[in-house]
Amino acid sequence: MDGIKYPVSADKSIRLLLKNKYTLNVESGSTKTEIKCWVELFFGVKIIAMNDHRLPRKGKRKKMGSIMGQTRHYRRMIITLESGYYIPPFRTK
């Protein structure tokens, strides 16, 4: 479960919960098959579909200096589960 960082609780992700879709931020180096195996084994659910996209990096400047850096890069996964399955930390029956 090292690849999954945390669940997303934005307005759109809350609306997607009604359609049995869950949104997670994951490490950028992990693959879809790895994440699918982790979610299915850890939560005991069946996954129908997985969509992902990379979020744009944001610029970050040091306190004193003109050197511009960037924040860490991660990926956002939208996971669709079969009907009847749910992930407990997100929703209760």
PDB file of N, CA and C in Angstrom:
ATOM      1  N   MET A   1       0.817  -1.199   0.000  1.00  0.00           N
ATOM      2  CA  MET A   1       0.000   0.000   0.000  1.00  0.00           C
ATOM      3  C   MET A   1       0.858   1.259   0.000  1.00  0.00           C
ATOM      4  N   ASP A   2       2.127   1.136  -0.333  1.00  0.00           N
ATOM      5  CA  ASP A   2       2.998   2.310  -0.357  1.00  0.00           C
ATOM      6  C   ASP A   2       2.651   3.252  -1.501  1.00  0.00           C
ATOM      7  N   GLY A   3       2.062   2.746  -2.566  1.00  0.00           N
ATOM      8  CA  GLY A   3       1.773   3.568  -3.732  1.00  0.00           C
ATOM      9  C   GLY A   3       0.594   4.495  -3.554  1.00  0.00           C
ATOM     10  N   ILE A   4      -0.335   4.148  -2.670  1.00  0.00           N
ATOM     11  CA  ILE A   4      -1.518   4.981  -2.464  1.00  0.00           C
ATOM     12  C   ILE A   4      -1.205   6.002  -1.386  1.00  0.00           C
ATOM     13  N   LYS A   5      -1.351   7.286  -1.723  1.00  0.00           N
ATOM     14  CA  LYS A   5      -1.021   8.341  -0.777  1.00  0.00           C
ATOM     15  C   LYS A   5      -2.199   8.659   0.142  1.00  0.00           C
ATOM     16  N   TYR A   6      -3.294   9.144  -0.419  1.00  0.00           N
ATOM     17  CA  TYR A   6      -4.449   9.516   0.388  1.00  0.00           C
ATOM     18  C   TYR A   6      -5.676   9.702  -0.492  1.00  0.00           C
ATOM     19  N   PRO A   7      -6.864   9.598   0.073  1.00  0.00           N
ATOM     20  CA  PRO A   7      -8.087   9.861  -0.703  1.00  0.00           C
ATOM     21  C   PRO A   7      -8.292  11.355  -0.906  1.00  0.00           C
ATOM     22  N   VAL A   8      -8.955  11.705  -1.982  1.00  0.00           N
ATOM     23  CA  VAL A   8      -9.226  13.099  -2.316  1.00  0.00           C
ATOM     24  C   VAL A   8     -10.637  13.442  -1.846  1.00  0.00           C
ATOM     25  N   SER A   9     -10.792  14.588  -1.211  1.00  0.00           N
ATOM     26  CA  SER A   9     -12.113  14.993  -0.727  1.00  0.00           C
ATOM     27  C   SER A   9     -12.500  16.350  -1.311  1.00  0.00           C
ATOM     28  N   ALA A  10     -12.472  16.458  -2.634  1.00  0.00           N
ATOM     29  CA  ALA A  10     -12.891  17.669  -3.326  1.00  0.00           C
ATOM     30  C   ALA A  10     -14.375  17.561  -3.674  1.00  0.00           C
ATOM     31  N   ASP A  11     -14.949  18.638  -4.189  1.00  0.00           N
ATOM     32  CA  ASP A  11     -16.369  18.638  -4.540  1.00  0.00           C
ATOM     33  C   ASP A  11     -16.689  17.581  -5.594  1.00  0.00           C
ATOM     34  N   LYS A  12     -15.874  17.503  -6.612  1.00  0.00           N
ATOM     35  CA  LYS A  12     -16.135  16.544  -7.680  1.00  0.00           C
ATOM     36  C   LYS A  12     -16.016  15.108  -7.176  1.00  0.00           C
ATOM     37  N   SER A  13     -15.027  14.833  -6.333  1.00  0.00           N
ATOM     38  CA  SER A  13     -14.854  13.467  -5.843  1.00  0.00           C
ATOM     39  C   SER A  13     -15.999  13.053  -4.926  1.00  0.00           C
ATOM     40  N   ILE A  14     -16.590  14.007  -4.212  1.00  0.00           N
ATOM     41  CA  ILE A  14     -17.741  13.693  -3.361  1.00  0.00           C
ATOM     42  C   ILE A  14     -18.961  13.383  -4.235  1.00  0.00           C
ATOM     43  N   ARG A  15     -19.121  14.110  -5.337  1.00  0.00           N
ATOM     44  CA  ARG A  15     -20.217  13.810  -6.271  1.00  0.00           C
ATOM     45  C   ARG A  15     -20.021  12.447  -6.935  1.00  0.00           C
ATOM     46  N   LEU A  16     -18.770  12.066  -7.194  1.00  0.00           N
ATOM     47  CA  LEU A  16     -18.500  10.775  -7.820  1.00  0.00           C
ATOM     48  C   LEU A  16     -18.783   9.602  -6.887  1.00  0.00           C
ATOM     49  N   LEU A  17     -18.767   9.832  -5.566  1.00  0.00           N
ATOM     50  CA  LEU A  17     -19.077   8.761  -4.619  1.00  0.00           C
ATOM     51  C   LEU A  17     -20.490   8.229  -4.833  1.00  0.00           C
ATOM     52  N   LEU A  18     -21.418   9.075  -5.274  1.00  0.00           N
ATOM     53  CA  LEU A  18     -22.785   8.627  -5.524  1.00  0.00           C
ATOM     54  C   LEU A  18     -22.853   7.655  -6.700  1.00  0.00           C
ATOM     55  N   LYS A  19     -21.874   7.721  -7.607  1.00  0.00           N
ATOM     56  CA  LYS A  19     -21.810   6.820  -8.752  1.00  0.00           C
ATOM     57  C   LYS A  19     -20.881   5.632  -8.483  1.00  0.00           C
ATOM     58  N   ASN A  20     -20.499   5.438  -7.226  1.00  0.00           N
ATOM     59  CA  ASN A  20     -19.613   4.356  -6.792  1.00  0.00           C
ATOM     60  C   ASN A  20     -18.220   4.489  -7.403  1.00  0.00           C
ATOM     61  N   LYS A  21     -17.740   5.742  -7.523  1.00  0.00           N
ATOM     62  CA  LYS A  21     -16.404   6.030  -8.020  1.00  0.00           C
ATOM     63  C   LYS A  21     -15.613   6.690  -6.898  1.00  0.00           C
ATOM     64  N   TYR A  22     -14.405   6.222  -6.684  1.00  0.00           N
ATOM     65  CA  TYR A  22     -13.555   6.714  -5.604  1.00  0.00           C
ATOM     66  C   TYR A  22     -12.311   7.356  -6.194  1.00  0.00           C
ATOM     67  N   THR A  23     -11.868   8.455  -5.589  1.00  0.00           N
ATOM     68  CA  THR A  23     -10.724   9.210  -6.087  1.00  0.00           C
ATOM     69  C   THR A  23      -9.584   9.114  -5.080  1.00  0.00           C
ATOM     70  N   LEU A  24      -8.407   8.720  -5.571  1.00  0.00           N
ATOM     71  CA  LEU A  24      -7.224   8.561  -4.729  1.00  0.00           C
ATOM     72  C   LEU A  24      -6.034   9.235  -5.386  1.00  0.00           C
ATOM     73  N   ASN A  25      -5.148   9.789  -4.585  1.00  0.00           N
ATOM     74  CA  ASN A  25      -3.851  10.255  -5.077  1.00  0.00           C
ATOM     75  C   ASN A  25      -2.851   9.134  -4.852  1.00  0.00           C
ATOM     76  N   VAL A  26      -2.072   8.825  -5.891  1.00  0.00           N
ATOM     77  CA  VAL A  26      -1.110   7.733  -5.816  1.00  0.00           C
ATOM     78  C   VAL A  26       0.262   8.229  -6.274  1.00  0.00           C
ATOM     79  N   GLU A  27       1.281   7.440  -5.997  1.00  0.00           N
ATOM     80  CA  GLU A  27       2.636   7.764  -6.446  1.00  0.00           C
ATOM     81  C   GLU A  27       2.687   7.719  -7.968  1.00  0.00           C
ATOM     82  N   SER A  28       3.484   8.564  -8.566  1.00  0.00           N
ATOM     83  CA  SER A  28       3.533   8.640 -10.023  1.00  0.00           C
ATOM     84  C   SER A  28       4.235   7.439 -10.641  1.00  0.00           C
ATOM     85  N   GLY A  29       5.055   6.732  -9.896  1.00  0.00           N
ATOM     86  CA  GLY A  29       5.795   5.600 -10.452  1.00  0.00           C
ATOM     87  C   GLY A  29       5.026   4.300 -10.453  1.00  0.00           C
ATOM     88  N   SER A  30       3.902   4.214  -9.760  1.00  0.00           N
ATOM     89  CA  SER A  30       3.150   2.962  -9.693  1.00  0.00           C
ATOM     90  C   SER A  30       2.247   2.811 -10.914  1.00  0.00           C
ATOM     91  N   THR A  31       2.014   1.573 -11.311  1.00  0.00           N
ATOM     92  CA  THR A  31       1.204   1.296 -12.489  1.00  0.00           C
ATOM     93  C   THR A  31      -0.242   1.028 -12.102  1.00  0.00           C
ATOM     94  N   LYS A  32      -1.123   1.007 -13.107  1.00  0.00           N
ATOM     95  CA  LYS A  32      -2.531   0.743 -12.859  1.00  0.00           C
ATOM     96  C   LYS A  32      -2.751  -0.658 -12.304  1.00  0.00           C
ATOM     97  N   THR A  33      -2.027  -1.632 -12.813  1.00  0.00           N
ATOM     98  CA  THR A  33      -2.216  -3.004 -12.338  1.00  0.00           C
ATOM     99  C   THR A  33      -1.773  -3.160 -10.894  1.00  0.00           C
ATOM    100  N   GLU A  34      -0.693  -2.486 -10.486  1.00  0.00           N
ATOM    101  CA  GLU A  34      -0.258  -2.526  -9.090  1.00  0.00           C
ATOM    102  C   GLU A  34      -1.315  -1.928  -8.175  1.00  0.00           C
ATOM    103  N   ILE A  35      -1.843  -0.787  -8.561  1.00  0.00           N
ATOM    104  CA  ILE A  35      -2.837  -0.107  -7.735  1.00  0.00           C
ATOM    105  C   ILE A  35      -4.115  -0.922  -7.667  1.00  0.00           C
ATOM    106  N   LYS A  36      -4.497  -1.535  -8.782  1.00  0.00           N
ATOM    107  CA  LYS A  36      -5.697  -2.376  -8.793  1.00  0.00           C
ATOM    108  C   LYS A  36      -5.535  -3.546  -7.836  1.00  0.00           C
ATOM    109  N   CYS A  37      -4.381  -4.199  -7.857  1.00  0.00           N
ATOM    110  CA  CYS A  37      -4.128  -5.319  -6.943  1.00  0.00           C
ATOM    111  C   CYS A  37      -4.143  -4.863  -5.494  1.00  0.00           C
ATOM    112  N   TRP A  38      -3.515  -3.721  -5.192  1.00  0.00           N
ATOM    113  CA  TRP A  38      -3.482  -3.218  -3.819  1.00  0.00           C
ATOM    114  C   TRP A  38      -4.884  -2.929  -3.302  1.00  0.00           C
ATOM    115  N   VAL A  39      -5.690  -2.236  -4.105  1.00  0.00           N
ATOM    116  CA  VAL A  39      -7.037  -1.863  -3.662  1.00  0.00           C
ATOM    117  C   VAL A  39      -7.909  -3.101  -3.495  1.00  0.00           C
ATOM    118  N   GLU A  40      -7.845  -4.038  -4.443  1.00  0.00           N
ATOM    119  CA  GLU A  40      -8.667  -5.236  -4.343  1.00  0.00           C
ATOM    120  C   GLU A  40      -8.272  -6.103  -3.157  1.00  0.00           C
ATOM    121  N   LEU A  41      -6.979  -6.235  -2.887  1.00  0.00           N
ATOM    122  CA  LEU A  41      -6.547  -7.057  -1.755  1.00  0.00           C
ATOM    123  C   LEU A  41      -6.793  -6.377  -0.411  1.00  0.00           C
ATOM    124  N   PHE A  42      -6.503  -5.098  -0.328  1.00  0.00           N
ATOM    125  CA  PHE A  42      -6.600  -4.394   0.956  1.00  0.00           C
ATOM    126  C   PHE A  42      -8.048  -4.161   1.382  1.00  0.00           C
ATOM    127  N   PHE A  43      -8.915  -3.741   0.442  1.00  0.00           N
ATOM    128  CA  PHE A  43     -10.298  -3.423   0.778  1.00  0.00           C
ATOM    129  C   PHE A  43     -11.267  -4.547   0.455  1.00  0.00           C
ATOM    130  N   GLY A  44     -10.867  -5.563  -0.303  1.00  0.00           N
ATOM    131  CA  GLY A  44     -11.730  -6.678  -0.649  1.00  0.00           C
ATOM    132  C   GLY A  44     -12.882  -6.271  -1.567  1.00  0.00           C
ATOM    133  N   VAL A  45     -12.598  -5.516  -2.610  1.00  0.00           N
ATOM    134  CA  VAL A  45     -13.614  -5.023  -3.544  1.00  0.00           C
ATOM    135  C   VAL A  45     -13.275  -5.501  -4.951  1.00  0.00           C
ATOM    136  N   LYS A  46     -14.234  -5.372  -5.859  1.00  0.00           N
ATOM    137  CA  LYS A  46     -14.037  -5.685  -7.274  1.00  0.00           C
ATOM    138  C   LYS A  46     -14.045  -4.389  -8.075  1.00  0.00           C
ATOM    139  N   ILE A  47     -13.020  -4.182  -8.887  1.00  0.00           N
ATOM    140  CA  ILE A  47     -12.881  -2.950  -9.661  1.00  0.00           C
ATOM    141  C   ILE A  47     -13.332  -3.200 -11.092  1.00  0.00           C
ATOM    142  N   ILE A  48     -14.193  -2.307 -11.604  1.00  0.00           N
ATOM    143  CA  ILE A  48     -14.648  -2.374 -12.993  1.00  0.00           C
ATOM    144  C   ILE A  48     -13.692  -1.594 -13.889  1.00  0.00           C
ATOM    145  N   ALA A  49     -13.409  -0.342 -13.530  1.00  0.00           N
ATOM    146  CA  ALA A  49     -12.604   0.531 -14.385  1.00  0.00           C
ATOM    147  C   ALA A  49     -11.708   1.418 -13.537  1.00  0.00           C
ATOM    148  N   MET A  50     -10.611   1.865 -14.156  1.00  0.00           N
ATOM    149  CA  MET A  50      -9.688   2.791 -13.502  1.00  0.00           C
ATOM    150  C   MET A  50      -9.274   3.844 -14.519  1.00  0.00           C
ATOM    151  N   ASN A  51      -9.381   5.100 -14.144  1.00  0.00           N
ATOM    152  CA  ASN A  51      -8.918   6.207 -14.970  1.00  0.00           C
ATOM    153  C   ASN A  51      -7.914   7.007 -14.166  1.00  0.00           C
ATOM    154  N   ASP A  52      -6.930   7.568 -14.838  1.00  0.00           N
ATOM    155  CA  ASP A  52      -5.934   8.359 -14.118  1.00  0.00           C
ATOM    156  C   ASP A  52      -5.529   9.562 -14.939  1.00  0.00           C
ATOM    157  N   HIS A  53      -4.998  10.554 -14.239  1.00  0.00           N
ATOM    158  CA  HIS A  53      -4.410  11.710 -14.912  1.00  0.00           C
ATOM    159  C   HIS A  53      -3.358  12.317 -13.998  1.00  0.00           C
ATOM    160  N   ARG A  54      -2.382  12.918 -14.630  1.00  0.00           N
ATOM    161  CA  ARG A  54      -1.313  13.575 -13.872  1.00  0.00           C
ATOM    162  C   ARG A  54      -1.685  15.031 -13.666  1.00  0.00           C
ATOM    163  N   LEU A  55      -1.558  15.482 -12.447  1.00  0.00           N
ATOM    164  CA  LEU A  55      -1.869  16.864 -12.121  1.00  0.00           C
ATOM    165  C   LEU A  55      -0.663  17.741 -12.424  1.00  0.00           C
ATOM    166  N   PRO A  56      -0.881  18.980 -12.828  1.00  0.00           N
ATOM    167  CA  PRO A  56       0.260  19.854 -13.126  1.00  0.00           C
ATOM    168  C   PRO A  56       1.027  20.200 -11.850  1.00  0.00           C
ATOM    169  N   ARG A  57       2.331  20.318 -12.001  1.00  0.00           N
ATOM    170  CA  ARG A  57       3.159  20.700 -10.859  1.00  0.00           C
ATOM    171  C   ARG A  57       2.974  22.172 -10.545  1.00  0.00           C
ATOM    172  N   LYS A  58       3.165  22.504  -9.288  1.00  0.00           N
ATOM    173  CA  LYS A  58       3.065  23.898  -8.871  1.00  0.00           C
ATOM    174  C   LYS A  58       4.468  24.409  -8.538  1.00  0.00           C
ATOM    175  N   GLY A  59       4.716  25.670  -8.845  1.00  0.00           N
ATOM    176  CA  GLY A  59       6.009  26.270  -8.552  1.00  0.00           C
ATOM    177  C   GLY A  59       6.142  26.606  -7.079  1.00  0.00           C
ATOM    178  N   LYS A  60       7.351  26.519  -6.578  1.00  0.00           N
ATOM    179  CA  LYS A  60       7.603  26.815  -5.171  1.00  0.00           C
ATOM    180  C   LYS A  60       8.944  27.531  -5.078  1.00  0.00           C
ATOM    181  N   ARG A  61       8.966  28.648  -4.387  1.00  0.00           N
ATOM    182  CA  ARG A  61      10.170  29.448  -4.273  1.00  0.00           C
ATOM    183  C   ARG A  61      10.711  29.346  -2.840  1.00  0.00           C
ATOM    184  N   LYS A  62      12.026  29.314  -2.720  1.00  0.00           N
ATOM    185  CA  LYS A  62      12.666  29.323  -1.402  1.00  0.00           C
ATOM    186  C   LYS A  62      12.430  30.672  -0.727  1.00  0.00           C
ATOM    187  N   LYS A  63      12.629  30.725   0.577  1.00  0.00           N
ATOM    188  CA  LYS A  63      12.376  31.966   1.319  1.00  0.00           C
ATOM    189  C   LYS A  63      13.238  33.123   0.824  1.00  0.00           C
ATOM    190  N   MET A  64      14.519  32.897   0.740  1.00  0.00           N
ATOM    191  CA  MET A  64      15.432  33.968   0.332  1.00  0.00           C
ATOM    192  C   MET A  64      16.193  33.511  -0.898  1.00  0.00           C
ATOM    193  N   GLY A  65      15.758  33.920  -2.066  1.00  0.00           N
ATOM    194  CA  GLY A  65      16.482  33.533  -3.265  1.00  0.00           C
ATOM    195  C   GLY A  65      15.601  33.582  -4.493  1.00  0.00           C
ATOM    196  N   SER A  66      16.251  33.483  -5.597  1.00  0.00           N
ATOM    197  CA  SER A  66      15.526  33.553  -6.852  1.00  0.00           C
ATOM    198  C   SER A  66      15.395  32.196  -7.519  1.00  0.00           C
ATOM    199  N   ILE A  67      15.805  31.135  -6.820  1.00  0.00           N
ATOM    200  CA  ILE A  67      15.734  29.804  -7.405  1.00  0.00           C
ATOM    201  C   ILE A  67      14.308  29.279  -7.255  1.00  0.00           C
ATOM    202  N   MET A  68      13.752  28.858  -8.375  1.00  0.00           N
ATOM    203  CA  MET A  68      12.387  28.351  -8.392  1.00  0.00           C
ATOM    204  C   MET A  68      12.427  26.831  -8.430  1.00  0.00           C
ATOM    205  N   GLY A  69      11.673  26.188  -7.564  1.00  0.00           N
ATOM    206  CA  GLY A  69      11.577  24.733  -7.546  1.00  0.00           C
ATOM    207  C   GLY A  69      10.161  24.305  -7.868  1.00  0.00           C
ATOM    208  N   GLN A  70       9.893  23.013  -7.723  1.00  0.00           N
ATOM    209  CA  GLN A  70       8.562  22.494  -7.979  1.00  0.00           C
ATOM    210  C   GLN A  70       8.171  21.518  -6.883  1.00  0.00           C
ATOM    211  N   THR A  71       6.855  21.378  -6.688  1.00  0.00           N
ATOM    212  CA  THR A  71       6.363  20.443  -5.695  1.00  0.00           C
ATOM    213  C   THR A  71       6.496  19.016  -6.228  1.00  0.00           C
ATOM    214  N   ARG A  72       6.292  18.035  -5.359  1.00  0.00           N
ATOM    215  CA  ARG A  72       6.385  16.638  -5.765  1.00  0.00           C
ATOM    216  C   ARG A  72       5.257  16.291  -6.720  1.00  0.00           C
ATOM    217  N   HIS A  73       5.538  15.383  -7.620  1.00  0.00           N
ATOM    218  CA  HIS A  73       4.577  15.021  -8.653  1.00  0.00           C
ATOM    219  C   HIS A  73       3.814  13.763  -8.216  1.00  0.00           C
ATOM    220  N   TYR A  74       2.512  13.746  -8.422  1.00  0.00           N
ATOM    221  CA  TYR A  74       1.708  12.573  -8.132  1.00  0.00           C
ATOM    222  C   TYR A  74       0.609  12.443  -9.169  1.00  0.00           C
ATOM    223  N   ARG A  75      -0.103  11.327  -9.107  1.00  0.00           N
ATOM    224  CA  ARG A  75      -1.142  10.992 -10.065  1.00  0.00           C
ATOM    225  C   ARG A  75      -2.465  10.840  -9.332  1.00  0.00           C
ATOM    226  N   ARG A  76      -3.561  11.134  -9.990  1.00  0.00           N
ATOM    227  CA  ARG A  76      -4.884  10.983  -9.391  1.00  0.00           C
ATOM    228  C   ARG A  76      -5.619   9.859 -10.111  1.00  0.00           C
ATOM    229  N   MET A  77      -6.121   8.890  -9.351  1.00  0.00           N
ATOM    230  CA  MET A  77      -6.836   7.745  -9.909  1.00  0.00           C
ATOM    231  C   MET A  77      -8.312   7.847  -9.542  1.00  0.00           C
ATOM    232  N   ILE A  78      -9.172   7.583 -10.515  1.00  0.00           N
ATOM    233  CA  ILE A  78     -10.608   7.476 -10.275  1.00  0.00           C
ATOM    234  C   ILE A  78     -10.963   6.015 -10.495  1.00  0.00           C
ATOM    235  N   ILE A  79     -11.392   5.343  -9.418  1.00  0.00           N
ATOM    236  CA  ILE A  79     -11.634   3.909  -9.431  1.00  0.00           C
ATOM    237  C   ILE A  79     -13.137   3.669  -9.380  1.00  0.00           C
ATOM    238  N   THR A  80     -13.665   2.884 -10.324  1.00  0.00           N
ATOM    239  CA  THR A  80     -15.077   2.528 -10.353  1.00  0.00           C
ATOM    240  C   THR A  80     -15.230   1.104  -9.840  1.00  0.00           C
ATOM    241  N   LEU A  81     -16.077   0.942  -8.827  1.00  0.00           N
ATOM    242  CA  LEU A  81     -16.311  -0.374  -8.239  1.00  0.00           C
ATOM    243  C   LEU A  81     -17.610  -0.972  -8.749  1.00  0.00           C
ATOM    244  N   GLU A  82     -17.718  -2.308  -8.647  1.00  0.00           N
ATOM    245  CA  GLU A  82     -18.960  -2.976  -8.994  1.00  0.00           C
ATOM    246  C   GLU A  82     -20.040  -2.577  -8.000  1.00  0.00           C
ATOM    247  N   SER A  83     -21.300  -2.689  -8.420  1.00  0.00           N
ATOM    248  CA  SER A  83     -22.396  -2.341  -7.512  1.00  0.00           C
ATOM    249  C   SER A  83     -22.416  -3.335  -6.354  1.00  0.00           C
ATOM    250  N   GLY A  84     -22.699  -2.833  -5.171  1.00  0.00           N
ATOM    251  CA  GLY A  84     -22.702  -3.663  -3.970  1.00  0.00           C
ATOM    252  C   GLY A  84     -21.409  -3.594  -3.183  1.00  0.00           C
ATOM    253  N   TYR A  85     -20.340  -3.099  -3.784  1.00  0.00           N
ATOM    254  CA  TYR A  85     -19.059  -2.959  -3.100  1.00  0.00           C
ATOM    255  C   TYR A  85     -18.843  -1.493  -2.731  1.00  0.00           C
ATOM    256  N   TYR A  86     -18.133  -1.274  -1.645  1.00  0.00           N
ATOM    257  CA  TYR A  86     -17.767   0.077  -1.229  1.00  0.00           C
ATOM    258  C   TYR A  86     -16.489   0.008  -0.417  1.00  0.00           C
ATOM    259  N   ILE A  87     -15.814   1.131  -0.310  1.00  0.00           N
ATOM    260  CA  ILE A  87     -14.594   1.231   0.495  1.00  0.00           C
ATOM    261  C   ILE A  87     -14.988   1.854   1.830  1.00  0.00           C
ATOM    262  N   PRO A  88     -14.801   1.144   2.942  1.00  0.00           N
ATOM    263  CA  PRO A  88     -15.320   1.599   4.242  1.00  0.00           C
ATOM    264  C   PRO A  88     -14.881   2.979   4.718  1.00  0.00           C
ATOM    265  N   PRO A  89     -13.628   3.431   4.544  1.00  0.00           N
ATOM    266  CA  PRO A  89     -13.307   4.770   5.059  1.00  0.00           C
ATOM    267  C   PRO A  89     -14.079   5.883   4.391  1.00  0.00           C
ATOM    268  N   PHE A  90     -14.580   5.662   3.184  1.00  0.00           N
ATOM    269  CA  PHE A  90     -15.304   6.682   2.457  1.00  0.00           C
ATOM    270  C   PHE A  90     -16.778   6.698   2.808  1.00  0.00           C
ATOM    271  N   ARG A  91     -17.406   5.537   2.834  1.00  0.00           N
ATOM    272  CA  ARG A  91     -18.851   5.469   2.940  1.00  0.00           C
ATOM    273  C   ARG A  91     -19.252   4.300   3.845  1.00  0.00           C
ATOM    274  N   THR A  92     -20.360   4.468   4.545  1.00  0.00           N
ATOM    275  CA  THR A  92     -20.918   3.372   5.322  1.00  0.00           C
ATOM    276  C   THR A  92     -22.188   2.884   4.663  1.00  0.00           C
ATOM    277  N   LYS A  93     -22.621   1.671   4.983  1.00  0.00           N
ATOM    278  CA  LYS A  93     -23.812   1.103   4.356  1.00  0.00           C
ATOM    279  C   LYS A  93     -25.070   1.812   4.745  1.00  0.00           C
TER     280      LYS A  93
END
